[in-house]
Amino acid sequence: TQERIKPIRDKWKGKLVLKGVANERDAEGAISLGLDGL
């Protein structure tokens, strides 16, 4: 979930990519969390 991604984004200082995205809503969520790629 987004709640589980947030602490990973805070900890990981490199590039963070979300794999398995299959719709626009999840893509928007990844962008809001500050991820670097899909």
PDB file of all heavy atoms in Angstrom:
ATOM      1  N   THR A   1       0.831  -1.198   0.000  1.00  0.00           N
ATOM      2  CA  THR A   1       0.000   0.000   0.000  1.00  0.00           C
ATOM      3  C   THR A   1       0.871   1.256   0.000  1.00  0.00           C
ATOM      4  O   THR A   1       2.089   1.200   0.231  1.00  0.00           O
ATOM      5  CB  THR A   1      -0.891   0.021   1.250  1.00  0.00           C
ATOM      6  OG1 THR A   1      -0.040   0.040   2.415  1.00  0.00           O
ATOM      7  CG2 THR A   1      -1.785  -1.205   1.300  1.00  0.00           C
ATOM      8  N   GLN A   2       0.225   2.406  -0.226  1.00  0.00           N
ATOM      9  CA  GLN A   2       0.958   3.674  -0.165  1.00  0.00           C
ATOM     10  C   GLN A   2       1.572   3.876   1.210  1.00  0.00           C
ATOM     11  O   GLN A   2       2.686   4.409   1.319  1.00  0.00           O
ATOM     12  CB  GLN A   2       0.026   4.831  -0.509  1.00  0.00           C
ATOM     13  CG  GLN A   2      -0.425   4.833  -1.967  1.00  0.00           C
ATOM     14  CD  GLN A   2      -1.012   6.158  -2.402  1.00  0.00           C
ATOM     15  OE1 GLN A   2      -0.564   7.216  -1.973  1.00  0.00           O
ATOM     16  NE2 GLN A   2      -2.014   6.112  -3.278  1.00  0.00           N
ATOM     17  N   GLU A   3       0.898   3.459   2.254  1.00  0.00           N
ATOM     18  CA  GLU A   3       1.425   3.608   3.612  1.00  0.00           C
ATOM     19  C   GLU A   3       2.695   2.783   3.798  1.00  0.00           C
ATOM     20  O   GLU A   3       3.587   3.175   4.559  1.00  0.00           O
ATOM     21  CB  GLU A   3       0.371   3.188   4.639  1.00  0.00           C
ATOM     22  CG  GLU A   3      -0.797   4.155   4.789  1.00  0.00           C
ATOM     23  CD  GLU A   3      -1.693   4.215   3.549  1.00  0.00           C
ATOM     24  OE1 GLU A   3      -1.806   3.177   2.825  1.00  0.00           O
ATOM     25  OE2 GLU A   3      -2.278   5.282   3.288  1.00  0.00           O
ATOM     26  N   ARG A   4       2.791   1.654   3.112  1.00  0.00           N
ATOM     27  CA  ARG A   4       3.990   0.826   3.223  1.00  0.00           C
ATOM     28  C   ARG A   4       5.124   1.364   2.349  1.00  0.00           C
ATOM     29  O   ARG A   4       6.293   1.099   2.632  1.00  0.00           O
ATOM     30  CB  ARG A   4       3.667  -0.619   2.829  1.00  0.00           C
ATOM     31  CG  ARG A   4       2.815  -1.338   3.876  1.00  0.00           C
ATOM     32  CD  ARG A   4       2.485  -2.761   3.467  1.00  0.00           C
ATOM     33  NE  ARG A   4       1.973  -3.530   4.600  1.00  0.00           N
ATOM     34  CZ  ARG A   4       1.657  -4.819   4.547  1.00  0.00           C
ATOM     35  NH1 ARG A   4       1.789  -5.492   3.413  1.00  0.00           N
ATOM     36  NH2 ARG A   4       1.206  -5.433   5.621  1.00  0.00           N
ATOM     37  N   ILE A   5       4.778   2.079   1.296  1.00  0.00           N
ATOM     38  CA  ILE A   5       5.817   2.640   0.428  1.00  0.00           C
ATOM     39  C   ILE A   5       6.478   3.853   1.063  1.00  0.00           C
ATOM     40  O   ILE A   5       7.694   4.075   0.900  1.00  0.00           O
ATOM     41  CB  ILE A   5       5.213   3.014  -0.944  1.00  0.00           C
ATOM     42  CG1 ILE A   5       4.757   1.763  -1.690  1.00  0.00           C
ATOM     43  CG2 ILE A   5       6.226   3.782  -1.795  1.00  0.00           C
ATOM     44  CD1 ILE A   5       4.025   2.036  -2.987  1.00  0.00           C
ATOM     45  N   LYS A   6       5.736   4.651   1.801  1.00  0.00           N
ATOM     46  CA  LYS A   6       6.262   5.911   2.349  1.00  0.00           C
ATOM     47  C   LYS A   6       7.561   5.729   3.131  1.00  0.00           C
ATOM     48  O   LYS A   6       8.549   6.442   2.876  1.00  0.00           O
ATOM     49  CB  LYS A   6       5.201   6.593   3.213  1.00  0.00           C
ATOM     50  CG  LYS A   6       4.050   7.195   2.416  1.00  0.00           C
ATOM     51  CD  LYS A   6       2.978   7.761   3.339  1.00  0.00           C
ATOM     52  CE  LYS A   6       1.781   8.286   2.548  1.00  0.00           C
ATOM     53  NZ  LYS A   6       0.687   8.757   3.436  1.00  0.00           N
ATOM     54  N   PRO A   7       7.647   4.790   4.093  1.00  0.00           N
ATOM     55  CA  PRO A   7       8.913   4.652   4.825  1.00  0.00           C
ATOM     56  C   PRO A   7      10.068   4.151   3.961  1.00  0.00           C
ATOM     57  O   PRO A   7      11.230   4.458   4.243  1.00  0.00           O
ATOM     58  CB  PRO A   7       8.577   3.651   5.941  1.00  0.00           C
ATOM     59  CG  PRO A   7       7.323   2.976   5.518  1.00  0.00           C
ATOM     60  CD  PRO A   7       6.580   3.949   4.679  1.00  0.00           C
ATOM     61  N   ILE A   8       9.750   3.391   2.900  1.00  0.00           N
ATOM     62  CA  ILE A   8      10.806   2.956   1.981  1.00  0.00           C
ATOM     63  C   ILE A   8      11.341   4.159   1.222  1.00  0.00           C
ATOM     64  O   ILE A   8      12.560   4.326   1.065  1.00  0.00           O
ATOM     65  CB  ILE A   8      10.275   1.883   1.011  1.00  0.00           C
ATOM     66  CG1 ILE A   8       9.829   0.635   1.776  1.00  0.00           C
ATOM     67  CG2 ILE A   8      11.344   1.519  -0.018  1.00  0.00           C
ATOM     68  CD1 ILE A   8       9.206  -0.432   0.897  1.00  0.00           C
ATOM     69  N   ARG A   9      10.436   5.039   0.776  1.00  0.00           N
ATOM     70  CA  ARG A   9      10.871   6.248   0.078  1.00  0.00           C
ATOM     71  C   ARG A   9      11.721   7.115   1.001  1.00  0.00           C
ATOM     72  O   ARG A   9      12.733   7.687   0.577  1.00  0.00           O
ATOM     73  CB  ARG A   9       9.640   7.022  -0.408  1.00  0.00           C
ATOM     74  CG  ARG A   9       9.926   8.402  -1.018  1.00  0.00           C
ATOM     75  CD  ARG A   9      10.627   8.362  -2.368  1.00  0.00           C
ATOM     76  NE  ARG A   9      12.053   8.029  -2.321  1.00  0.00           N
ATOM     77  CZ  ARG A   9      12.828   7.969  -3.382  1.00  0.00           C
ATOM     78  NH1 ARG A   9      12.340   8.219  -4.579  1.00  0.00           N
ATOM     79  NH2 ARG A   9      14.097   7.650  -3.257  1.00  0.00           N
ATOM     80  N   ASP A  10      11.346   7.207   2.275  1.00  0.00           N
ATOM     81  CA  ASP A  10      12.112   8.016   3.223  1.00  0.00           C
ATOM     82  C   ASP A  10      13.500   7.439   3.457  1.00  0.00           C
ATOM     83  O   ASP A  10      14.473   8.190   3.602  1.00  0.00           O
ATOM     84  CB  ASP A  10      11.357   8.102   4.560  1.00  0.00           C
ATOM     85  CG  ASP A  10      10.081   8.917   4.464  1.00  0.00           C
ATOM     86  OD1 ASP A  10       9.945   9.709   3.507  1.00  0.00           O
ATOM     87  OD2 ASP A  10       9.216   8.758   5.343  1.00  0.00           O
ATOM     88  N   LYS A  11      13.604   6.120   3.472  1.00  0.00           N
ATOM     89  CA  LYS A  11      14.886   5.482   3.778  1.00  0.00           C
ATOM     90  C   LYS A  11      15.807   5.403   2.568  1.00  0.00           C
ATOM     91  O   LYS A  11      17.002   5.651   2.685  1.00  0.00           O
ATOM     92  CB  LYS A  11      14.651   4.070   4.324  1.00  0.00           C
ATOM     93  CG  LYS A  11      15.944   3.298   4.628  1.00  0.00           C
ATOM     94  CD  LYS A  11      15.655   1.930   5.218  1.00  0.00           C
ATOM     95  CE  LYS A  11      16.936   1.138   5.417  1.00  0.00           C
ATOM     96  NZ  LYS A  11      17.901   1.814   6.329  1.00  0.00           N
ATOM     97  N   TRP A  12      15.243   5.054   1.400  1.00  0.00           N
ATOM     98  CA  TRP A  12      16.073   4.782   0.224  1.00  0.00           C
ATOM     99  C   TRP A  12      16.505   6.087  -0.427  1.00  0.00           C
ATOM    100  O   TRP A  12      15.700   6.873  -0.888  1.00  0.00           O
ATOM    101  CB  TRP A  12      15.308   3.923  -0.781  1.00  0.00           C
ATOM    102  CG  TRP A  12      16.173   3.461  -1.913  1.00  0.00           C
ATOM    103  CD1 TRP A  12      16.220   3.951  -3.181  1.00  0.00           C
ATOM    104  CD2 TRP A  12      17.142   2.403  -1.865  1.00  0.00           C
ATOM    105  NE1 TRP A  12      17.133   3.274  -3.927  1.00  0.00           N
ATOM    106  CE2 TRP A  12      17.733   2.321  -3.157  1.00  0.00           C
ATOM    107  CE3 TRP A  12      17.571   1.524  -0.860  1.00  0.00           C
ATOM    108  CZ2 TRP A  12      18.716   1.378  -3.455  1.00  0.00           C
ATOM    109  CZ3 TRP A  12      18.559   0.592  -1.169  1.00  0.00           C
ATOM    110  CH2 TRP A  12      19.124   0.522  -2.441  1.00  0.00           C
ATOM    111  N   LYS A  13      17.801   6.304  -0.496  1.00  0.00           N
ATOM    112  CA  LYS A  13      18.339   7.565  -1.017  1.00  0.00           C
ATOM    113  C   LYS A  13      18.643   7.517  -2.509  1.00  0.00           C
ATOM    114  O   LYS A  13      19.011   8.541  -3.099  1.00  0.00           O
ATOM    115  CB  LYS A  13      19.623   7.930  -0.250  1.00  0.00           C
ATOM    116  CG  LYS A  13      19.412   8.046   1.263  1.00  0.00           C
ATOM    117  CD  LYS A  13      18.250   8.968   1.613  1.00  0.00           C
ATOM    118  CE  LYS A  13      18.024   9.034   3.119  1.00  0.00           C
ATOM    119  NZ  LYS A  13      16.801   9.805   3.469  1.00  0.00           N
ATOM    120  N   GLY A  14      18.481   6.353  -3.101  1.00  0.00           N
ATOM    121  CA  GLY A  14      18.689   6.246  -4.541  1.00  0.00           C
ATOM    122  C   GLY A  14      17.388   6.404  -5.296  1.00  0.00           C
ATOM    123  O   GLY A  14      16.405   6.963  -4.788  1.00  0.00           O
ATOM    124  N   LYS A  15      17.370   5.913  -6.516  1.00  0.00           N
ATOM    125  CA  LYS A  15      16.164   5.969  -7.337  1.00  0.00           C
ATOM    126  C   LYS A  15      15.206   4.859  -6.903  1.00  0.00           C
ATOM    127  O   LYS A  15      15.625   3.729  -6.637  1.00  0.00           O
ATOM    128  CB  LYS A  15      16.503   5.816  -8.816  1.00  0.00           C
ATOM    129  CG  LYS A  15      17.446   6.890  -9.344  1.00  0.00           C
ATOM    130  CD  LYS A  15      16.824   8.281  -9.239  1.00  0.00           C
ATOM    131  CE  LYS A  15      17.740   9.344  -9.836  1.00  0.00           C
ATOM    132  NZ  LYS A  15      17.172  10.712  -9.728  1.00  0.00           N
ATOM    133  N   LEU A  16      13.920   5.197  -6.861  1.00  0.00           N
ATOM    134  CA  LEU A  16      12.907   4.246  -6.412  1.00  0.00           C
ATOM    135  C   LEU A  16      11.872   4.063  -7.525  1.00  0.00           C
ATOM    136  O   LEU A  16      11.293   5.036  -8.016  1.00  0.00           O
ATOM    137  CB  LEU A  16      12.228   4.739  -5.135  1.00  0.00           C
ATOM    138  CG  LEU A  16      11.258   3.780  -4.454  1.00  0.00           C
ATOM    139  CD1 LEU A  16      11.959   2.478  -4.062  1.00  0.00           C
ATOM    140  CD2 LEU A  16      10.646   4.436  -3.211  1.00  0.00           C
ATOM    141  N   VAL A  17      11.657   2.803  -7.912  1.00  0.00           N
ATOM    142  CA  VAL A  17      10.794   2.449  -9.036  1.00  0.00           C
ATOM    143  C   VAL A  17       9.701   1.506  -8.542  1.00  0.00           C
ATOM    144  O   VAL A  17       9.972   0.581  -7.762  1.00  0.00           O
ATOM    145  CB  VAL A  17      11.612   1.760 -10.156  1.00  0.00           C
ATOM    146  CG1 VAL A  17      10.703   1.254 -11.271  1.00  0.00           C
ATOM    147  CG2 VAL A  17      12.668   2.709 -10.706  1.00  0.00           C
ATOM    148  N   LEU A  18       8.481   1.712  -8.999  1.00  0.00           N
ATOM    149  CA  LEU A  18       7.369   0.830  -8.670  1.00  0.00           C
ATOM    150  C   LEU A  18       7.087  -0.065  -9.868  1.00  0.00           C
ATOM    151  O   LEU A  18       6.824   0.414 -10.970  1.00  0.00           O
ATOM    152  CB  LEU A  18       6.123   1.646  -8.326  1.00  0.00           C
ATOM    153  CG  LEU A  18       4.889   0.857  -7.878  1.00  0.00           C
ATOM    154  CD1 LEU A  18       5.163   0.129  -6.557  1.00  0.00           C
ATOM    155  CD2 LEU A  18       3.684   1.788  -7.720  1.00  0.00           C
ATOM    156  N   LYS A  19       7.133  -1.374  -9.656  1.00  0.00           N
ATOM    157  CA  LYS A  19       6.912  -2.348 -10.732  1.00  0.00           C
ATOM    158  C   LYS A  19       5.587  -3.074 -10.503  1.00  0.00           C
ATOM    159  O   LYS A  19       5.273  -3.455  -9.383  1.00  0.00           O
ATOM    160  CB  LYS A  19       8.047  -3.364 -10.790  1.00  0.00           C
ATOM    161  CG  LYS A  19       7.905  -4.388 -11.912  1.00  0.00           C
ATOM    162  CD  LYS A  19       9.130  -5.295 -11.967  1.00  0.00           C
ATOM    163  CE  LYS A  19       9.015  -6.291 -13.112  1.00  0.00           C
ATOM    164  NZ  LYS A  19       8.002  -7.321 -12.853  1.00  0.00           N
ATOM    165  N   GLY A  20       4.861  -3.277 -11.592  1.00  0.00           N
ATOM    166  CA  GLY A  20       3.581  -3.948 -11.510  1.00  0.00           C
ATOM    167  C   GLY A  20       2.409  -3.004 -11.673  1.00  0.00           C
ATOM    168  O   GLY A  20       1.259  -3.397 -11.507  1.00  0.00           O
ATOM    169  N   VAL A  21       2.693  -1.772 -12.015  1.00  0.00           N
ATOM    170  CA  VAL A  21       1.634  -0.777 -12.215  1.00  0.00           C
ATOM    171  C   VAL A  21       0.814  -1.172 -13.440  1.00  0.00           C
ATOM    172  O   VAL A  21       1.359  -1.512 -14.491  1.00  0.00           O
ATOM    173  CB  VAL A  21       2.234   0.629 -12.400  1.00  0.00           C
ATOM    174  CG1 VAL A  21       1.150   1.650 -12.685  1.00  0.00           C
ATOM    175  CG2 VAL A  21       3.037   1.017 -11.167  1.00  0.00           C
ATOM    176  N   ALA A  22      -0.519  -1.124 -13.292  1.00  0.00           N
ATOM    177  CA  ALA A  22      -1.382  -1.549 -14.390  1.00  0.00           C
ATOM    178  C   ALA A  22      -2.540  -0.595 -14.630  1.00  0.00           C
ATOM    179  O   ALA A  22      -3.451  -0.915 -15.392  1.00  0.00           O
ATOM    180  CB  ALA A  22      -1.923  -2.954 -14.106  1.00  0.00           C
ATOM    181  N   ASN A  23      -2.512   0.595 -14.013  1.00  0.00           N
ATOM    182  CA  ASN A  23      -3.593   1.564 -14.223  1.00  0.00           C
ATOM    183  C   ASN A  23      -3.127   2.957 -13.838  1.00  0.00           C
ATOM    184  O   ASN A  23      -2.115   3.129 -13.134  1.00  0.00           O
ATOM    185  CB  ASN A  23      -4.848   1.170 -13.434  1.00  0.00           C
ATOM    186  CG  ASN A  23      -4.588   1.148 -11.940  1.00  0.00           C
ATOM    187  OD1 ASN A  23      -4.466   2.193 -11.312  1.00  0.00           O
ATOM    188  ND2 ASN A  23      -4.498  -0.035 -11.349  1.00  0.00           N
ATOM    189  N   GLU A  24      -3.874   3.938 -14.268  1.00  0.00           N
ATOM    190  CA  GLU A  24      -3.501   5.335 -14.050  1.00  0.00           C
ATOM    191  C   GLU A  24      -3.563   5.730 -12.576  1.00  0.00           C
ATOM    192  O   GLU A  24      -2.777   6.559 -12.120  1.00  0.00           O
ATOM    193  CB  GLU A  24      -4.413   6.254 -14.860  1.00  0.00           C
ATOM    194  CG  GLU A  24      -4.308   6.075 -16.368  1.00  0.00           C
ATOM    195  CD  GLU A  24      -5.273   5.060 -16.938  1.00  0.00           C
ATOM    196  OE1 GLU A  24      -5.497   4.004 -16.283  1.00  0.00           O
ATOM    197  OE2 GLU A  24      -5.796   5.309 -18.034  1.00  0.00           O
ATOM    198  N   ARG A  25      -4.494   5.168 -11.838  1.00  0.00           N
ATOM    199  CA  ARG A  25      -4.636   5.544 -10.432  1.00  0.00           C
ATOM    200  C   ARG A  25      -3.390   5.172  -9.629  1.00  0.00           C
ATOM    201  O   ARG A  25      -2.915   5.971  -8.815  1.00  0.00           O
ATOM    202  CB  ARG A  25      -5.866   4.859  -9.829  1.00  0.00           C
ATOM    203  CG  ARG A  25      -6.129   5.254  -8.378  1.00  0.00           C
ATOM    204  CD  ARG A  25      -7.403   4.624  -7.856  1.00  0.00           C
ATOM    205  NE  ARG A  25      -7.640   4.972  -6.473  1.00  0.00           N
ATOM    206  CZ  ARG A  25      -8.651   4.513  -5.754  1.00  0.00           C
ATOM    207  NH1 ARG A  25      -9.532   3.683  -6.306  1.00  0.00           N
ATOM    208  NH2 ARG A  25      -8.801   4.870  -4.494  1.00  0.00           N
ATOM    209  N   ASP A  26      -2.866   3.976  -9.849  1.00  0.00           N
ATOM    210  CA  ASP A  26      -1.646   3.581  -9.158  1.00  0.00           C
ATOM    211  C   ASP A  26      -0.456   4.429  -9.616  1.00  0.00           C
ATOM    212  O   ASP A  26       0.440   4.739  -8.819  1.00  0.00           O
ATOM    213  CB  ASP A  26      -1.358   2.101  -9.392  1.00  0.00           C
ATOM    214  CG  ASP A  26      -2.302   1.196  -8.600  1.00  0.00           C
ATOM    215  OD1 ASP A  26      -2.929   1.692  -7.642  1.00  0.00           O
ATOM    216  OD2 ASP A  26      -2.413   0.007  -8.946  1.00  0.00           O
ATOM    217  N   ALA A  27      -0.428   4.789 -10.887  1.00  0.00           N
ATOM    218  CA  ALA A  27       0.635   5.666 -11.376  1.00  0.00           C
ATOM    219  C   ALA A  27       0.583   7.017 -10.668  1.00  0.00           C
ATOM    220  O   ALA A  27       1.611   7.561 -10.250  1.00  0.00           O
ATOM    221  CB  ALA A  27       0.505   5.855 -12.884  1.00  0.00           C
ATOM    222  N   GLU A  28      -0.605   7.556 -10.523  1.00  0.00           N
ATOM    223  CA  GLU A  28      -0.761   8.835  -9.827  1.00  0.00           C
ATOM    224  C   GLU A  28      -0.316   8.713  -8.375  1.00  0.00           C
ATOM    225  O   GLU A  28       0.337   9.612  -7.831  1.00  0.00           O
ATOM    226  CB  GLU A  28      -2.218   9.281  -9.893  1.00  0.00           C
ATOM    227  CG  GLU A  28      -2.467  10.653  -9.276  1.00  0.00           C
ATOM    228  CD  GLU A  28      -3.909  11.104  -9.419  1.00  0.00           C
ATOM    229  OE1 GLU A  28      -4.729  10.329  -9.945  1.00  0.00           O
ATOM    230  OE2 GLU A  28      -4.210  12.237  -9.001  1.00  0.00           O
ATOM    231  N   GLY A  29      -0.636   7.592  -7.735  1.00  0.00           N
ATOM    232  CA  GLY A  29      -0.197   7.383  -6.360  1.00  0.00           C
ATOM    233  C   GLY A  29       1.309   7.334  -6.236  1.00  0.00           C
ATOM    234  O   GLY A  29       1.887   7.886  -5.293  1.00  0.00           O
ATOM    235  N   ALA A  30       1.965   6.681  -7.185  1.00  0.00           N
ATOM    236  CA  ALA A  30       3.428   6.609  -7.163  1.00  0.00           C
ATOM    237  C   ALA A  30       4.049   7.988  -7.308  1.00  0.00           C
ATOM    238  O   ALA A  30       5.038   8.323  -6.635  1.00  0.00           O
ATOM    239  CB  ALA A  30       3.912   5.693  -8.280  1.00  0.00           C
ATOM    240  N   ILE A  31       3.475   8.812  -8.168  1.00  0.00           N
ATOM    241  CA  ILE A  31       3.981  10.170  -8.354  1.00  0.00           C
ATOM    242  C   ILE A  31       3.812  10.986  -7.077  1.00  0.00           C
ATOM    243  O   ILE A  31       4.721  11.718  -6.660  1.00  0.00           O
ATOM    244  CB  ILE A  31       3.266  10.839  -9.545  1.00  0.00           C
ATOM    245  CG1 ILE A  31       3.659  10.142 -10.850  1.00  0.00           C
ATOM    246  CG2 ILE A  31       3.592  12.332  -9.615  1.00  0.00           C
ATOM    247  CD1 ILE A  31       2.812  10.532 -12.039  1.00  0.00           C
ATOM    248  N   SER A  32       2.682  10.840  -6.428  1.00  0.00           N
ATOM    249  CA  SER A  32       2.428  11.601  -5.199  1.00  0.00           C
ATOM    250  C   SER A  32       3.382  11.216  -4.080  1.00  0.00           C
ATOM    251  O   SER A  32       3.657  12.018  -3.180  1.00  0.00           O
ATOM    252  CB  SER A  32       0.977  11.387  -4.739  1.00  0.00           C
ATOM    253  OG  SER A  32       0.779  10.070  -4.249  1.00  0.00           O
ATOM    254  N   LEU A  33       3.915   9.990  -4.134  1.00  0.00           N
ATOM    255  CA  LEU A  33       4.859   9.522  -3.111  1.00  0.00           C
ATOM    256  C   LEU A  33       6.301   9.894  -3.440  1.00  0.00           C
ATOM    257  O   LEU A  33       7.213   9.591  -2.678  1.00  0.00           O
ATOM    258  CB  LEU A  33       4.747   8.007  -2.962  1.00  0.00           C
ATOM    259  CG  LEU A  33       3.442   7.493  -2.339  1.00  0.00           C
ATOM    260  CD1 LEU A  33       3.315   5.993  -2.542  1.00  0.00           C
ATOM    261  CD2 LEU A  33       3.378   7.849  -0.860  1.00  0.00           C
ATOM    262  N   GLY A  34       6.524  10.523  -4.576  1.00  0.00           N
ATOM    263  CA  GLY A  34       7.868  10.952  -4.944  1.00  0.00           C
ATOM    264  C   GLY A  34       8.728   9.877  -5.556  1.00  0.00           C
ATOM    265  O   GLY A  34       9.966   9.963  -5.513  1.00  0.00           O
ATOM    266  N   LEU A  35       8.102   8.857  -6.167  1.00  0.00           N
ATOM    267  CA  LEU A  35       8.886   7.827  -6.816  1.00  0.00           C
ATOM    268  C   LEU A  35       9.474   8.356  -8.126  1.00  0.00           C
ATOM    269  O   LEU A  35       8.997   9.327  -8.691  1.00  0.00           O
ATOM    270  CB  LEU A  35       8.027   6.586  -7.071  1.00  0.00           C
ATOM    271  CG  LEU A  35       7.986   5.585  -5.914  1.00  0.00           C
ATOM    272  CD1 LEU A  35       7.347   6.163  -4.666  1.00  0.00           C
ATOM    273  CD2 LEU A  35       7.265   4.297  -6.317  1.00  0.00           C
ATOM    274  N   ASP A  36      10.535   7.683  -8.573  1.00  0.00           N
ATOM    275  CA  ASP A  36      11.277   8.157  -9.740  1.00  0.00           C
ATOM    276  C   ASP A  36      10.873   7.471 -11.037  1.00  0.00           C
ATOM    277  O   ASP A  36      11.125   7.996 -12.122  1.00  0.00           O
ATOM    278  CB  ASP A  36      12.773   7.932  -9.513  1.00  0.00           C
ATOM    279  CG  ASP A  36      13.271   8.631  -8.259  1.00  0.00           C
ATOM    280  OD1 ASP A  36      13.379   9.869  -8.286  1.00  0.00           O
ATOM    281  OD2 ASP A  36      13.532   7.936  -7.255  1.00  0.00           O
ATOM    282  N   GLY A  37      10.279   6.288 -10.953  1.00  0.00           N
ATOM    283  CA  GLY A  37       9.940   5.563 -12.163  1.00  0.00           C
ATOM    284  C   GLY A  37       8.864   4.521 -11.938  1.00  0.00           C
ATOM    285  O   GLY A  37       8.589   4.120 -10.797  1.00  0.00           O
ATOM    286  N   LEU A  38       8.266   4.092 -13.030  1.00  0.00           N
ATOM    287  CA  LEU A  38       7.273   3.024 -13.040  1.00  0.00           C
ATOM    288  C   LEU A  38       7.702   1.979 -14.057  1.00  0.00           C
ATOM    289  O   LEU A  38       8.202   2.319 -15.126  1.00  0.00           O
ATOM    290  CB  LEU A  38       5.900   3.547 -13.460  1.00  0.00           C
ATOM    291  CG  LEU A  38       5.274   4.723 -12.720  1.00  0.00           C
ATOM    292  CD1 LEU A  38       4.024   5.176 -13.470  1.00  0.00           C
ATOM    293  CD2 LEU A  38       4.931   4.318 -11.298  1.00  0.00           C
TER     294      LEU A  38
END
